[in-house]
C-alpha atoms as a PDB file:
ATOM      1  CA  MET A   1      12.335  10.336 -44.664  1.00  0.00           C
ATOM      2  CA  LYS A   2      13.503   7.096 -43.077  1.00  0.00           C
ATOM      3  CA  CYS A   3      10.916   4.316 -42.933  1.00  0.00           C
ATOM      4  CA  VAL A   4      10.603   2.514 -39.581  1.00  0.00           C
ATOM      5  CA  ASN A   5       9.758  -1.180 -39.624  1.00  0.00           C
ATOM      6  CA  TRP A   6       7.415  -1.312 -36.655  1.00  0.00           C
ATOM      7  CA  GLY A   7       7.127  -5.096 -36.909  1.00  0.00           C
ATOM      8  CA  LEU A   8      10.857  -5.561 -36.339  1.00  0.00           C
ATOM      9  CA  LEU A   9      10.828  -2.898 -33.614  1.00  0.00           C
ATOM     10  CA  ARG A  10       8.041  -4.749 -31.864  1.00  0.00           C
ATOM     11  CA  LEU A  11       9.930  -8.054 -32.051  1.00  0.00           C
ATOM     12  CA  SER A  12      13.034  -6.444 -30.563  1.00  0.00           C
ATOM     13  CA  GLU A  13      10.995  -5.639 -27.433  1.00  0.00           C
ATOM     14  CA  LEU A  14      10.106  -9.275 -26.850  1.00  0.00           C
ATOM     15  CA  VAL A  15      12.071 -11.759 -24.742  1.00  0.00           C
ATOM     16  CA  THR A  16      11.855 -15.511 -24.389  1.00  0.00           C
ATOM     17  CA  LEU A  17      11.968 -17.141 -20.970  1.00  0.00           C
ATOM     18  CA  THR A  18      11.358 -20.599 -19.582  1.00  0.00           C
ATOM     19  CA  VAL A  19       8.837 -21.147 -16.803  1.00  0.00           C
ATOM     20  CA  ASN A  20       8.513 -24.619 -15.276  1.00  0.00           C
ATOM     21  CA  GLY A  21      10.152 -26.159 -18.357  1.00  0.00           C
ATOM     22  CA  ASN A  22       7.966 -24.377 -20.919  1.00  0.00           C
ATOM     23  CA  LYS A  23       9.072 -21.502 -23.129  1.00  0.00           C
ATOM     24  CA  TYR A  24       7.056 -18.274 -23.238  1.00  0.00           C
ATOM     25  CA  THR A  25       7.370 -14.959 -25.025  1.00  0.00           C
ATOM     26  CA  ALA A  26       6.864 -11.790 -23.021  1.00  0.00           C
ATOM     27  CA  GLU A  27       7.254  -8.065 -23.435  1.00  0.00           C
ATOM     28  CA  LYS A  28      10.411  -6.538 -22.077  1.00  0.00           C
ATOM     29  CA  GLY A  29       9.564  -4.673 -18.873  1.00  0.00           C
ATOM     30  CA  GLN A  30       6.888  -7.102 -17.719  1.00  0.00           C
ATOM     31  CA  TYR A  31       7.310  -8.797 -14.373  1.00  0.00           C
ATOM     32  CA  ILE A  32       7.499 -12.565 -13.913  1.00  0.00           C
ATOM     33  CA  LEU A  33       4.184 -12.628 -12.017  1.00  0.00           C
ATOM     34  CA  GLN A  34       2.402 -10.804 -14.851  1.00  0.00           C
ATOM     35  CA  VAL A  35       3.674 -13.283 -17.431  1.00  0.00           C
ATOM     36  CA  ALA A  36       2.827 -16.281 -15.270  1.00  0.00           C
ATOM     37  CA  ARG A  37      -0.741 -15.105 -14.707  1.00  0.00           C
ATOM     38  CA  ALA A  38      -1.188 -14.324 -18.396  1.00  0.00           C
ATOM     39  CA  HIS A  39      -0.421 -17.984 -19.135  1.00  0.00           C
ATOM     40  CA  GLY A  40      -2.483 -19.466 -16.307  1.00  0.00           C
ATOM     41  CA  ILE A  41       0.481 -20.378 -14.122  1.00  0.00           C
ATOM     42  CA  LYS A  42      -0.552 -20.158 -10.495  1.00  0.00           C
ATOM     43  CA  ILE A  43       1.657 -18.147  -8.162  1.00  0.00           C
ATOM     44  CA  PRO A  44       0.102 -17.130  -4.819  1.00  0.00           C
ATOM     45  CA  SER A  45       0.095 -13.450  -3.918  1.00  0.00           C
ATOM     46  CA  LEU A  46      -1.825 -11.296  -1.449  1.00  0.00           C
ATOM     47  CA  CYS A  47      -0.363  -7.831  -1.970  1.00  0.00           C
ATOM     48  CA  ASN A  48      -0.452  -7.549  -5.768  1.00  0.00           C
ATOM     49  CA  LEU A  49      -3.085  -5.464  -7.551  1.00  0.00           C
ATOM     50  CA  ASP A  50      -2.938  -4.333 -11.180  1.00  0.00           C
ATOM     51  CA  ALA A  51      -4.156  -0.831 -10.293  1.00  0.00           C
ATOM     52  CA  VAL A  52      -1.062   0.026  -8.221  1.00  0.00           C
ATOM     53  CA  GLU A  53       2.694  -0.351  -8.480  1.00  0.00           C
ATOM     54  CA  PRO A  54       4.037  -3.714  -7.200  1.00  0.00           C
ATOM     55  CA  TYR A  55       5.357  -3.630  -3.652  1.00  0.00           C
ATOM     56  CA  GLY A  56       6.475  -7.148  -2.745  1.00  0.00           C
ATOM     57  CA  ALA A  57       5.174  -7.011   0.810  1.00  0.00           C
ATOM     58  CA  CYS A  58       3.700 -10.484   1.330  1.00  0.00           C
ATOM     59  CA  ARG A  59       6.637 -12.291  -0.387  1.00  0.00           C
ATOM     60  CA  LEU A  60       4.367 -15.248  -1.233  1.00  0.00           C
ATOM     61  CA  CYS A  61       4.970 -14.830  -4.965  1.00  0.00           C
ATOM     62  CA  ILE A  62       8.617 -15.880  -4.648  1.00  0.00           C
ATOM     63  CA  VAL A  63      10.057 -18.012  -7.452  1.00  0.00           C
ATOM     64  CA  GLU A  64      13.456 -19.531  -8.176  1.00  0.00           C
ATOM     65  CA  ILE A  65      15.348 -18.132 -11.159  1.00  0.00           C
ATOM     66  CA  THR A  66      18.445 -19.325 -12.964  1.00  0.00           C
ATOM     67  CA  ARG A  67      20.795 -16.886 -14.699  1.00  0.00           C
ATOM     68  CA  GLY A  68      23.812 -18.658 -16.100  1.00  0.00           C
ATOM     69  CA  THR A  69      24.999 -21.005 -13.363  1.00  0.00           C
ATOM     70  CA  ARG A  70      23.516 -19.058 -10.483  1.00  0.00           C
ATOM     71  CA  LYS A  71      20.166 -19.820  -8.849  1.00  0.00           C
ATOM     72  CA  ARG A  72      18.363 -17.567  -6.419  1.00  0.00           C
ATOM     73  CA  ILE A  73      14.977 -16.759  -4.928  1.00  0.00           C
ATOM     74  CA  VAL A  74      13.295 -13.548  -6.117  1.00  0.00           C
ATOM     75  CA  THR A  75       9.931 -11.866  -5.665  1.00  0.00           C
ATOM     76  CA  SER A  76       8.132 -12.425  -8.968  1.00  0.00           C
ATOM     77  CA  CYS A  77       5.944  -9.301  -8.745  1.00  0.00           C
ATOM     78  CA  LEU A  78       9.089  -7.117  -8.745  1.00  0.00           C
ATOM     79  CA  PHE A  79      11.498  -9.031 -10.979  1.00  0.00           C
ATOM     80  CA  PRO A  80      11.385  -8.061 -14.688  1.00  0.00           C
ATOM     81  CA  VAL A  81      11.632 -10.742 -17.356  1.00  0.00           C
ATOM     82  CA  GLU A  82      14.779 -10.983 -19.481  1.00  0.00           C
ATOM     83  CA  GLU A  83      16.045 -13.023 -22.384  1.00  0.00           C
ATOM     84  CA  GLY A  84      16.947 -16.607 -21.474  1.00  0.00           C
ATOM     85  CA  LEU A  85      15.653 -16.377 -17.907  1.00  0.00           C
ATOM     86  CA  VAL A  86      14.703 -19.739 -16.366  1.00  0.00           C
ATOM     87  CA  VAL A  87      11.973 -19.672 -13.729  1.00  0.00           C
ATOM     88  CA  GLU A  88      10.641 -22.352 -11.405  1.00  0.00           C
ATOM     89  CA  THR A  89       7.468 -21.453  -9.535  1.00  0.00           C
ATOM     90  CA  ASP A  90       7.171 -24.547  -7.340  1.00  0.00           C
ATOM     91  CA  SER A  91      10.661 -25.934  -6.815  1.00  0.00           C
ATOM     92  CA  PRO A  92      11.369 -27.589  -3.427  1.00  0.00           C
ATOM     93  CA  ARG A  93      13.267 -24.479  -2.353  1.00  0.00           C
ATOM     94  CA  VAL A  94      10.357 -22.202  -3.318  1.00  0.00           C
ATOM     95  CA  VAL A  95       7.759 -24.391  -1.628  1.00  0.00           C
ATOM     96  CA  GLY A  96       9.854 -24.601   1.537  1.00  0.00           C
ATOM     97  CA  ASN A  97      10.241 -20.827   1.756  1.00  0.00           C
ATOM     98  CA  ARG A  98       6.575 -20.261   0.945  1.00  0.00           C
ATOM     99  CA  LYS A  99       5.548 -22.629   3.748  1.00  0.00           C
ATOM    100  CA  MET A 100       7.726 -20.699   6.184  1.00  0.00           C
ATOM    101  CA  LEU A 101       6.052 -17.422   5.151  1.00  0.00           C
ATOM    102  CA  LEU A 102       2.582 -18.930   5.521  1.00  0.00           C
ATOM    103  CA  ASP A 103       3.556 -20.335   8.912  1.00  0.00           C
ATOM    104  CA  LEU A 104       4.463 -16.802  10.024  1.00  0.00           C
ATOM    105  CA  LEU A 105       1.273 -15.305   8.568  1.00  0.00           C
ATOM    106  CA  LEU A 106      -0.831 -17.997  10.216  1.00  0.00           C
ATOM    107  CA  ALA A 107       0.698 -17.184  13.605  1.00  0.00           C
ATOM    108  CA  ARG A 108      -0.191 -13.512  13.111  1.00  0.00           C
ATOM    109  CA  CYS A 109      -3.627 -14.109  11.557  1.00  0.00           C
ATOM    110  CA  SER A 110      -4.557 -17.345  13.291  1.00  0.00           C
ATOM    111  CA  GLU A 111      -8.300 -17.011  12.636  1.00  0.00           C
ATOM    112  CA  ASN A 112      -8.324 -15.282   9.257  1.00  0.00           C
ATOM    113  CA  LYS A 113     -10.163 -17.388   6.651  1.00  0.00           C
ATOM    114  CA  VAL A 114      -8.058 -16.222   3.696  1.00  0.00           C
ATOM    115  CA  ILE A 115      -4.759 -17.043   5.403  1.00  0.00           C
ATOM    116  CA  LYS A 116      -6.031 -20.359   6.765  1.00  0.00           C
ATOM    117  CA  GLN A 117      -7.255 -21.457   3.339  1.00  0.00           C
ATOM    118  CA  LEU A 118      -4.000 -20.505   1.627  1.00  0.00           C
ATOM    119  CA  ALA A 119      -1.945 -22.225   4.331  1.00  0.00           C
ATOM    120  CA  ALA A 120      -4.078 -25.368   4.016  1.00  0.00           C
ATOM    121  CA  GLU A 121      -3.186 -25.548   0.308  1.00  0.00           C
ATOM    122  CA  TYR A 122       0.404 -26.081   1.456  1.00  0.00           C
ATOM    123  CA  GLY A 123      -0.518 -28.610   4.131  1.00  0.00           C
ATOM    124  CA  ILE A 124      -0.345 -26.192   7.070  1.00  0.00           C
ATOM    125  CA  GLU A 125      -3.318 -26.577   9.387  1.00  0.00           C
ATOM    126  CA  LYS A 126      -1.884 -24.517  12.245  1.00  0.00           C
ATOM    127  CA  SER A 127       1.221 -22.481  12.892  1.00  0.00           C
ATOM    128  CA  SER A 128       4.266 -24.260  14.291  1.00  0.00           C
ATOM    129  CA  PHE A 129       4.979 -21.298  16.566  1.00  0.00           C
ATOM    130  CA  GLU A 130       4.018 -21.526  20.228  1.00  0.00           C
ATOM    131  CA  LYS A 131       0.370 -20.627  20.726  1.00  0.00           C
ATOM    132  CA  GLU A 132       1.288 -17.795  23.074  1.00  0.00           C
ATOM    133  CA  TYR A 133       2.673 -15.955  20.023  1.00  0.00           C
ATOM    134  CA  TRP A 134      -0.480 -16.373  17.935  1.00  0.00           C
ATOM    135  CA  THR A 135      -2.618 -13.295  17.385  1.00  0.00           C
ATOM    136  CA  LYS A 136      -6.054 -12.724  15.861  1.00  0.00           C
ATOM    137  CA  GLU A 137      -4.916  -9.999  13.482  1.00  0.00           C
ATOM    138  CA  ASN A 138      -6.460  -9.707  10.027  1.00  0.00           C
ATOM    139  CA  CYS A 139      -3.998  -7.161   8.624  1.00  0.00           C
ATOM    140  CA  ILE A 140      -0.863  -8.593   6.997  1.00  0.00           C
ATOM    141  CA  VAL A 141       0.644  -5.100   6.546  1.00  0.00           C
ATOM    142  CA  CYS A 142       0.714  -5.415   2.765  1.00  0.00           C
ATOM    143  CA  GLY A 143       0.083  -1.676   2.410  1.00  0.00           C
ATOM    144  CA  LEU A 144      -2.504  -2.126  -0.356  1.00  0.00           C
ATOM    145  CA  CYS A 145      -5.006   0.141   1.386  1.00  0.00           C
ATOM    146  CA  ALA A 146      -2.530   3.018   1.661  1.00  0.00           C
ATOM    147  CA  ARG A 147      -1.167   2.503  -1.854  1.00  0.00           C
ATOM    148  CA  VAL A 148      -4.628   2.480  -3.446  1.00  0.00           C
ATOM    149  CA  CYS A 149      -5.566   5.613  -1.498  1.00  0.00           C
ATOM    150  CA  GLU A 150      -2.453   7.388  -2.771  1.00  0.00           C
ATOM    151  CA  GLN A 151      -1.975   6.022  -6.295  1.00  0.00           C
ATOM    152  CA  VAL A 152      -5.571   5.458  -7.433  1.00  0.00           C
ATOM    153  CA  VAL A 153      -7.756   7.803  -5.388  1.00  0.00           C
ATOM    154  CA  GLY A 154      -5.094  10.490  -5.041  1.00  0.00           C
ATOM    155  CA  VAL A 155      -5.967  11.423  -1.457  1.00  0.00           C
ATOM    156  CA  SER A 156      -3.349   9.760   0.801  1.00  0.00           C
ATOM    157  CA  ALA A 157      -5.703   9.799   3.785  1.00  0.00           C
ATOM    158  CA  ILE A 158      -3.877   6.875   5.418  1.00  0.00           C
ATOM    159  CA  SER A 159      -0.347   5.500   5.504  1.00  0.00           C
ATOM    160  CA  LEU A 160       1.785   2.788   7.082  1.00  0.00           C
ATOM    161  CA  VAL A 161       3.060   3.835  10.487  1.00  0.00           C
ATOM    162  CA  ASN A 162       5.465   2.457  13.133  1.00  0.00           C
ATOM    163  CA  ARG A 163       8.021  -0.309  12.678  1.00  0.00           C
ATOM    164  CA  GLY A 164       8.468  -3.975  13.393  1.00  0.00           C
ATOM    165  CA  ILE A 165       5.513  -5.882  14.861  1.00  0.00           C
ATOM    166  CA  THR A 166       3.614  -2.628  15.517  1.00  0.00           C
ATOM    167  CA  LYS A 167       3.737  -1.515  11.860  1.00  0.00           C
ATOM    168  CA  GLY A 168       0.379  -1.087  10.175  1.00  0.00           C
ATOM    169  CA  PRO A 169      -1.958   1.220   8.254  1.00  0.00           C
ATOM    170  CA  ALA A 170      -3.429   4.143  10.175  1.00  0.00           C
ATOM    171  CA  SER A 171      -4.873   7.618   9.875  1.00  0.00           C
ATOM    172  CA  PRO A 172      -2.729  10.624  10.916  1.00  0.00           C
ATOM    173  CA  TYR A 173      -2.121  10.652  14.682  1.00  0.00           C
ATOM    174  CA  LEU A 174      -4.543   7.690  14.930  1.00  0.00           C
ATOM    175  CA  GLU A 175      -7.440  10.138  14.836  1.00  0.00           C
ATOM    176  CA  SER A 176     -10.286  10.480  12.346  1.00  0.00           C
ATOM    177  CA  ALA A 177      -8.946  10.483   8.780  1.00  0.00           C
ATOM    178  CA  LYS A 178     -10.199  13.915   7.764  1.00  0.00           C
ATOM    179  CA  ALA A 179      -8.759  13.615   4.245  1.00  0.00           C
ATOM    180  CA  CYS A 180     -10.664  10.368   3.615  1.00  0.00           C
ATOM    181  CA  ILE A 181     -13.548  10.748   1.146  1.00  0.00           C
ATOM    182  CA  GLY A 182     -15.245   7.502   2.155  1.00  0.00           C
ATOM    183  CA  CYS A 183     -14.887   5.876  -1.279  1.00  0.00           C
ATOM    184  CA  GLY A 184     -14.111   2.466   0.239  1.00  0.00           C
ATOM    185  CA  SER A 185     -11.234   1.709  -2.165  1.00  0.00           C
ATOM    186  CA  CYS A 186      -9.146   0.498   0.783  1.00  0.00           C
ATOM    187  CA  TYR A 187     -11.961  -1.853   1.803  1.00  0.00           C
ATOM    188  CA  TYR A 188     -12.297  -3.385  -1.660  1.00  0.00           C
ATOM    189  CA  ALA A 189      -8.517  -3.716  -2.147  1.00  0.00           C
ATOM    190  CA  CYS A 190      -7.774  -5.382   1.203  1.00  0.00           C
ATOM    191  CA  PRO A 191      -6.957  -9.076   0.556  1.00  0.00           C
ATOM    192  CA  THR A 192      -7.814 -10.329   4.051  1.00  0.00           C
ATOM    193  CA  GLY A 193     -10.880  -8.321   5.076  1.00  0.00           C
ATOM    194  CA  ALA A 194      -8.979  -6.248   7.625  1.00  0.00           C
ATOM    195  CA  ILE A 195     -10.818  -3.034   6.654  1.00  0.00           C
ATOM    196  CA  LYS A 196     -14.258  -2.790   8.237  1.00  0.00           C
ATOM    197  CA  MET A 197     -16.810  -0.723   6.304  1.00  0.00           C
ATOM    198  CA  GLU A 198     -20.581  -0.519   6.643  1.00  0.00           C
ATOM    199  CA  ASP A 199     -23.430   1.491   5.116  1.00  0.00           C
ATOM    200  CA  LYS A 200     -26.380   1.938   7.441  1.00  0.00           C
ATOM    201  CA  LYS A 201     -29.080   4.490   8.217  1.00  0.00           C
ATOM    202  CA  GLY A 202     -27.918   6.957   5.596  1.00  0.00           C
ATOM    203  CA  TYR A 203     -24.234   6.921   6.542  1.00  0.00           C
ATOM    204  CA  ARG A 204     -21.045   5.130   5.568  1.00  0.00           C
ATOM    205  CA  TYR A 205     -18.760   4.052   8.384  1.00  0.00           C
ATOM    206  CA  ILE A 206     -15.135   2.997   7.865  1.00  0.00           C
ATOM    207  CA  TYR A 207     -14.233   1.959  11.366  1.00  0.00           C
ATOM    208  CA  ASN A 208     -10.468   1.606  10.849  1.00  0.00           C
ATOM    209  CA  TRP A 209     -10.134   5.304  10.009  1.00  0.00           C
ATOM    210  CA  LYS A 210     -12.844   6.488  12.408  1.00  0.00           C
ATOM    211  CA  ILE A 211     -14.927   8.207   9.729  1.00  0.00           C
ATOM    212  CA  LYS A 212     -18.656   8.619   9.166  1.00  0.00           C
ATOM    213  CA  TYR A 213     -20.059  10.265   6.033  1.00  0.00           C
ATOM    214  CA  ARG A 214     -23.618  10.898   4.906  1.00  0.00           C
ATOM    215  CA  LEU A 215     -24.702   8.971   1.818  1.00  0.00           C
ATOM    216  CA  GLN A 216     -26.102  10.778  -1.223  1.00  0.00           C
ATOM    217  CA  LYS A 217     -29.770   9.942  -1.878  1.00  0.00           C
ATOM    218  CA  CYS A 218     -30.966   9.669  -5.475  1.00  0.00           C
ATOM    219  CA  LYS A 219     -33.736  12.174  -6.165  1.00  0.00           C
ATOM    220  CA  VAL A 220     -35.435   9.718  -8.526  1.00  0.00           C
ATOM    221  CA  CYS A 221     -35.407   6.279  -6.872  1.00  0.00           C
ATOM    222  CA  GLY A 222     -34.399   7.335  -3.351  1.00  0.00           C
ATOM    223  CA  ILE A 223     -31.491   4.872  -3.066  1.00  0.00           C
ATOM    224  CA  GLU A 224     -28.522   5.952  -0.938  1.00  0.00           C
ATOM    225  CA  TRP A 225     -25.688   5.178  -3.305  1.00  0.00           C
ATOM    226  CA  ALA A 226     -22.408   6.941  -2.406  1.00  0.00           C
ATOM    227  CA  PRO A 227     -20.889   9.237   0.248  1.00  0.00           C
ATOM    228  CA  GLU A 228     -21.608  12.920  -0.357  1.00  0.00           C
ATOM    229  CA  LYS A 229     -17.956  13.778   0.304  1.00  0.00           C
ATOM    230  CA  GLN A 230     -16.742  11.327  -2.333  1.00  0.00           C
ATOM    231  CA  LEU A 231     -19.128  12.688  -4.953  1.00  0.00           C
ATOM    232  CA  GLU A 232     -18.189  16.285  -4.141  1.00  0.00           C
ATOM    233  CA  TYR A 233     -14.501  15.354  -4.491  1.00  0.00           C
ATOM    234  CA  ILE A 234     -15.174  13.862  -7.932  1.00  0.00           C
ATOM    235  CA  ARG A 235     -17.358  16.814  -8.983  1.00  0.00           C
ATOM    236  CA  LYS A 236     -14.665  19.358  -8.166  1.00  0.00           C
ATOM    237  CA  LYS A 237     -11.848  17.260  -9.637  1.00  0.00           C
ATOM    238  CA  TRP A 238     -13.640  16.955 -12.981  1.00  0.00           C
ATOM    239  CA  ASP A 239     -15.229  20.413 -12.841  1.00  0.00           C
ATOM    240  CA  LEU A 240     -18.764  19.048 -13.043  1.00  0.00           C
ATOM    241  CA  PRO A 241     -21.838  21.250 -12.470  1.00  0.00           C
ATOM    242  CA  LYS A 242     -23.538  21.348  -9.067  1.00  0.00           C
ATOM    243  CA  GLY A 243     -26.307  18.810  -8.758  1.00  0.00           C
ATOM    244  CA  PHE A 244     -24.578  16.462 -11.216  1.00  0.00           C
ATOM    245  CA  PHE A 245     -24.814  13.602  -8.714  1.00  0.00           C
ATOM    246  CA  ASP A 246     -28.377  14.236  -7.574  1.00  0.00           C
ATOM    247  CA  VAL A 247     -29.382  11.181  -9.607  1.00  0.00           C
ATOM    248  CA  CYS A 248     -27.754   7.756  -9.224  1.00  0.00           C
ATOM    249  CA  PRO A 249     -26.117   5.975 -12.215  1.00  0.00           C
ATOM    250  CA  ASN A 250     -29.053   3.581 -12.602  1.00  0.00           C
ATOM    251  CA  CYS A 251     -31.573   6.395 -12.953  1.00  0.00           C
ATOM    252  CA  ARG A 252     -29.317   8.619 -15.033  1.00  0.00           C
END
């Protein structure tokens, strides 16, 4: 039987790259953004979440890479590391492009606190576009809400619809999202607060998807702790006995 040297095998899966003049070791298959964050290197991003596959929608995580004699701008959340790669996260070219992207986002989301704060970090107090083109949108069309619903929850109650400036997340036919279980994953994943959710008077409302679900009340402490539809979805998925969620996690 042939003996495998796992130590050497492990080393063969590692690559060395240079980021902002410093050398780092990373696992083959990792993305530049992952490596940068692991080493405390700040790269702005609004659409990246570890729980879902990278999408590259906001483009703010752009970096400049050098391969041989060629330099180019890439999206760091989608570009895998490789041996000898040279990366600059804040070169003049990167900063200039990032400012342009923030200028566009600020015109679209002119009153959004997250966008305004991020733009201010790059010296942009207001969009350079004519004020007649400014809107008060909160959604940057990053698709995180739809991707979390599909990839994490496994429901796909919402999706991105339309094209161009009218593109955005929506429920089927813009009616009540009947497949939604009210878990609120879209609300928690949204980077700009564009999803509006509220629990009141025994119900959960997610206004974007036009849904209203009754909250489960704990039979011990009486707290209303989760939508009944969400808990029933989990119970059936994991083949749990009826009444399993009659008691909240704190009382269990």
